[in-house]
C-alpha atoms as a PDB file:
ATOM      1  CA  ASN A   1      35.963 -77.795 -92.011  1.00  0.00           C
ATOM      2  CA  LEU A   2      33.542 -79.695 -89.852  1.00  0.00           C
ATOM      3  CA  THR A   3      33.443 -78.930 -86.162  1.00  0.00           C
ATOM      4  CA  VAL A   4      32.011 -80.658 -83.045  1.00  0.00           C
ATOM      5  CA  ASP A   5      31.274 -77.646 -81.042  1.00  0.00           C
ATOM      6  CA  GLY A   6      31.311 -74.917 -83.738  1.00  0.00           C
ATOM      7  CA  THR A   7      34.837 -73.811 -82.960  1.00  0.00           C
ATOM      8  CA  ASN A   8      37.284 -76.770 -82.963  1.00  0.00           C
ATOM      9  CA  LYS A   9      37.823 -78.470 -86.237  1.00  0.00           C
ATOM     10  CA  VAL A  10      37.955 -82.273 -86.291  1.00  0.00           C
ATOM     11  CA  GLY A  11      39.530 -84.763 -88.660  1.00  0.00           C
ATOM     12  CA  TYR A  12      42.946 -85.039 -90.243  1.00  0.00           C
ATOM     13  CA  ARG A  13      44.483 -81.777 -91.401  1.00  0.00           C
ATOM     14  CA  ASN A  14      47.847 -83.351 -92.119  1.00  0.00           C
ATOM     15  CA  ILE A  15      49.617 -86.720 -92.142  1.00  0.00           C
ATOM     16  CA  PRO A  16      52.101 -86.901 -89.221  1.00  0.00           C
ATOM     17  CA  LEU A  17      55.657 -88.138 -89.718  1.00  0.00           C
ATOM     18  CA  SER A  18      56.316 -91.362 -87.901  1.00  0.00           C
ATOM     19  CA  GLY A  19      60.038 -90.948 -88.280  1.00  0.00           C
ATOM     20  CA  ILE A  20      62.954 -90.761 -90.727  1.00  0.00           C
ATOM     21  CA  LYS A  21      64.654 -94.108 -91.002  1.00  0.00           C
ATOM     22  CA  THR A  22      68.228 -94.496 -92.057  1.00  0.00           C
ATOM     23  CA  ALA A  23      68.380 -98.287 -92.436  1.00  0.00           C
ATOM     24  CA  SER A  24      65.973-101.125 -92.995  1.00  0.00           C
ATOM     25  CA  TYR A  25      62.855-100.833 -90.912  1.00  0.00           C
ATOM     26  CA  THR A  26      59.993-103.079 -89.793  1.00  0.00           C
ATOM     27  CA  LEU A  27      56.645-101.268 -89.631  1.00  0.00           C
ATOM     28  CA  VAL A  28      54.925-101.176 -86.133  1.00  0.00           C
ATOM     29  CA  VAL A  29      51.491-100.240 -84.846  1.00  0.00           C
ATOM     30  CA  GLY A  30      52.757 -96.785 -83.895  1.00  0.00           C
ATOM     31  CA  ASP A  31      53.122 -96.107 -87.656  1.00  0.00           C
ATOM     32  CA  VAL A  32      49.380 -96.358 -88.312  1.00  0.00           C
ATOM     33  CA  GLY A  33      47.927 -93.177 -89.674  1.00  0.00           C
ATOM     34  CA  LYS A  34      51.373 -91.643 -90.323  1.00  0.00           C
ATOM     35  CA  PHE A  35      54.080 -91.703 -93.005  1.00  0.00           C
ATOM     36  CA  VAL A  36      57.480 -93.277 -92.601  1.00  0.00           C
ATOM     37  CA  GLU A  37      60.358 -91.661 -94.503  1.00  0.00           C
ATOM     38  CA  LEU A  38      63.224 -93.760 -95.608  1.00  0.00           C
ATOM     39  CA  GLY A  39      66.190 -91.419 -95.984  1.00  0.00           C
ATOM     40  CA  THR A  40      68.802 -93.978 -97.082  1.00  0.00           C
ATOM     41  CA  SER A  41      68.694 -97.347 -98.777  1.00  0.00           C
ATOM     42  CA  GLY A  42      67.191-100.230 -96.976  1.00  0.00           C
ATOM     43  CA  THR A  43      64.201-102.489 -96.989  1.00  0.00           C
ATOM     44  CA  VAL A  44      60.813-101.805 -95.291  1.00  0.00           C
ATOM     45  CA  VAL A  45      59.302-104.979 -93.830  1.00  0.00           C
ATOM     46  CA  ILE A  46      55.496-105.296 -93.395  1.00  0.00           C
ATOM     47  CA  PRO A  47      55.002-107.874 -90.645  1.00  0.00           C
ATOM     48  CA  ALA A  48      52.022-110.345 -90.380  1.00  0.00           C
ATOM     49  CA  SER A  49      49.079-110.084 -87.919  1.00  0.00           C
ATOM     50  CA  VAL A  50      50.229-106.730 -86.384  1.00  0.00           C
ATOM     51  CA  PHE A  51      47.760-104.358 -88.058  1.00  0.00           C
ATOM     52  CA  ALA A  52      43.926-104.267 -88.049  1.00  0.00           C
ATOM     53  CA  THR A  53      41.131-103.592 -90.539  1.00  0.00           C
ATOM     54  CA  GLY A  54      41.293 -99.973 -91.697  1.00  0.00           C
ATOM     55  CA  ASP A  55      44.898 -99.297 -90.579  1.00  0.00           C
ATOM     56  CA  ALA A  56      46.826 -97.303 -93.183  1.00  0.00           C
ATOM     57  CA  ILE A  57      50.541 -96.378 -93.380  1.00  0.00           C
ATOM     58  CA  SER A  58      52.335 -94.314 -96.080  1.00  0.00           C
ATOM     59  CA  ILE A  59      55.954 -94.807 -96.985  1.00  0.00           C
ATOM     60  CA  PHE A  60      57.953 -91.918 -98.518  1.00  0.00           C
ATOM     61  CA  ASN A  61      61.134 -92.846-100.406  1.00  0.00           C
ATOM     62  CA  ASN A  62      63.532 -89.872 -99.949  1.00  0.00           C
ATOM     63  CA  THR A  63      66.381 -91.493-101.790  1.00  0.00           C
ATOM     64  CA  SER A  64      67.765 -91.364-105.405  1.00  0.00           C
ATOM     65  CA  ALA A  65      66.906 -95.040-106.072  1.00  0.00           C
ATOM     66  CA  SER A  66      63.959 -97.405-105.575  1.00  0.00           C
ATOM     67  CA  ILE A  67      63.516 -99.036-102.219  1.00  0.00           C
ATOM     68  CA  SER A  68      62.284-102.549-101.597  1.00  0.00           C
ATOM     69  CA  CYS A  69      59.331-103.479 -99.320  1.00  0.00           C
ATOM     70  CA  ASP A  70      58.940-107.039 -98.146  1.00  0.00           C
ATOM     71  CA  CYS A  71      55.298-108.101 -97.650  1.00  0.00           C
ATOM     72  CA  SER A  72      55.820-111.855 -97.871  1.00  0.00           C
ATOM     73  CA  ALA A  73      54.581-112.484 -94.293  1.00  0.00           C
ATOM     74  CA  ILE A  74      51.104-111.086 -95.138  1.00  0.00           C
ATOM     75  CA  THR A  75      48.754-113.859 -96.430  1.00  0.00           C
ATOM     76  CA  ASP A  76      47.164-111.791 -99.204  1.00  0.00           C
ATOM     77  CA  PHE A  77      48.953-108.609-100.328  1.00  0.00           C
ATOM     78  CA  TYR A  78      48.025-106.927-103.536  1.00  0.00           C
ATOM     79  CA  LYS A  79      49.105-103.974-105.673  1.00  0.00           C
ATOM     80  CA  GLY A  80      45.961-101.814-106.179  1.00  0.00           C
ATOM     81  CA  GLY A  81      44.094-102.742-109.301  1.00  0.00           C
ATOM     82  CA  THR A  82      45.638-106.244-109.579  1.00  0.00           C
ATOM     83  CA  ASP A  83      44.514-109.746-108.554  1.00  0.00           C
ATOM     84  CA  THR A  84      47.978-111.250-107.893  1.00  0.00           C
ATOM     85  CA  ASP A  85      49.270-111.938-104.470  1.00  0.00           C
ATOM     86  CA  ILE A  86      52.778-110.385-104.211  1.00  0.00           C
ATOM     87  CA  ALA A  87      55.653-111.006-101.816  1.00  0.00           C
ATOM     88  CA  SER A  88      57.460-107.665-102.375  1.00  0.00           C
ATOM     89  CA  PHE A  89      57.227-104.322-104.141  1.00  0.00           C
ATOM     90  CA  SER A  90      59.377-101.259-104.749  1.00  0.00           C
ATOM     91  CA  VAL A  91      58.708 -97.593-104.110  1.00  0.00           C
ATOM     92  CA  THR A  92      60.164 -95.355-106.776  1.00  0.00           C
ATOM     93  CA  THR A  93      62.580 -92.454-106.184  1.00  0.00           C
ATOM     94  CA  ARG A  94      60.897 -89.731-104.213  1.00  0.00           C
ATOM     95  CA  GLY A  95      57.777 -91.831-104.387  1.00  0.00           C
ATOM     96  CA  VAL A  96      54.945 -92.439-101.925  1.00  0.00           C
ATOM     97  CA  ALA A  97      53.141 -95.710-101.337  1.00  0.00           C
ATOM     98  CA  THR A  98      50.182 -96.227 -99.006  1.00  0.00           C
ATOM     99  CA  ILE A  99      49.272 -99.569 -97.520  1.00  0.00           C
ATOM    100  CA  LEU A 100      45.659-100.189 -96.427  1.00  0.00           C
ATOM    101  CA  PHE A 101      44.953-103.225 -94.339  1.00  0.00           C
ATOM    102  CA  ILE A 102      41.622-104.882 -95.260  1.00  0.00           C
ATOM    103  CA  THR A 103      42.100-107.463 -92.492  1.00  0.00           C
ATOM    104  CA  ALA A 104      44.991-108.443 -90.297  1.00  0.00           C
ATOM    105  CA  THR A 105      46.120-110.852 -93.098  1.00  0.00           C
ATOM    106  CA  ARG A 106      45.011-108.994 -96.264  1.00  0.00           C
ATOM    107  CA  ALA A 107      46.287-105.652 -97.535  1.00  0.00           C
ATOM    108  CA  VAL A 108      46.621-103.554-100.672  1.00  0.00           C
ATOM    109  CA  VAL A 109      49.314-101.031-101.607  1.00  0.00           C
ATOM    110  CA  THR A 110      48.928 -98.094-104.000  1.00  0.00           C
ATOM    111  CA  GLY A 111      51.159 -95.264-105.117  1.00  0.00           C
ATOM    112  CA  ASN A 112      54.429 -94.796-106.886  1.00  0.00           C
ATOM    113  CA  LEU A 113      55.314 -98.471-107.318  1.00  0.00           C
ATOM    114  CA  ALA A 114      58.096 -99.814-109.542  1.00  0.00           C
END
């Protein structure tokens, strides 16, 4: 509820939809600050050296099965609360996962992970 000029509110009031994907999809810079919905089976690929410190992207799995996410190209990729570098993870049925980039080559994912 903060305002710059006393009338216009600033800051996020929602998370915009980047798009509904119906096949495997590779994340792009245009997805930053948004959520990507996967509406059919497929794999989400997180590419290396595309995103910057502080970039965040959410993934919504709108299917009746887990979806796979390939993060093998990222140098250091962790599930939140762990200290093991992972190459992939799954988002559960109707689950949401958010990826936060610590650097261009280090990221962490949290959420409904299988």
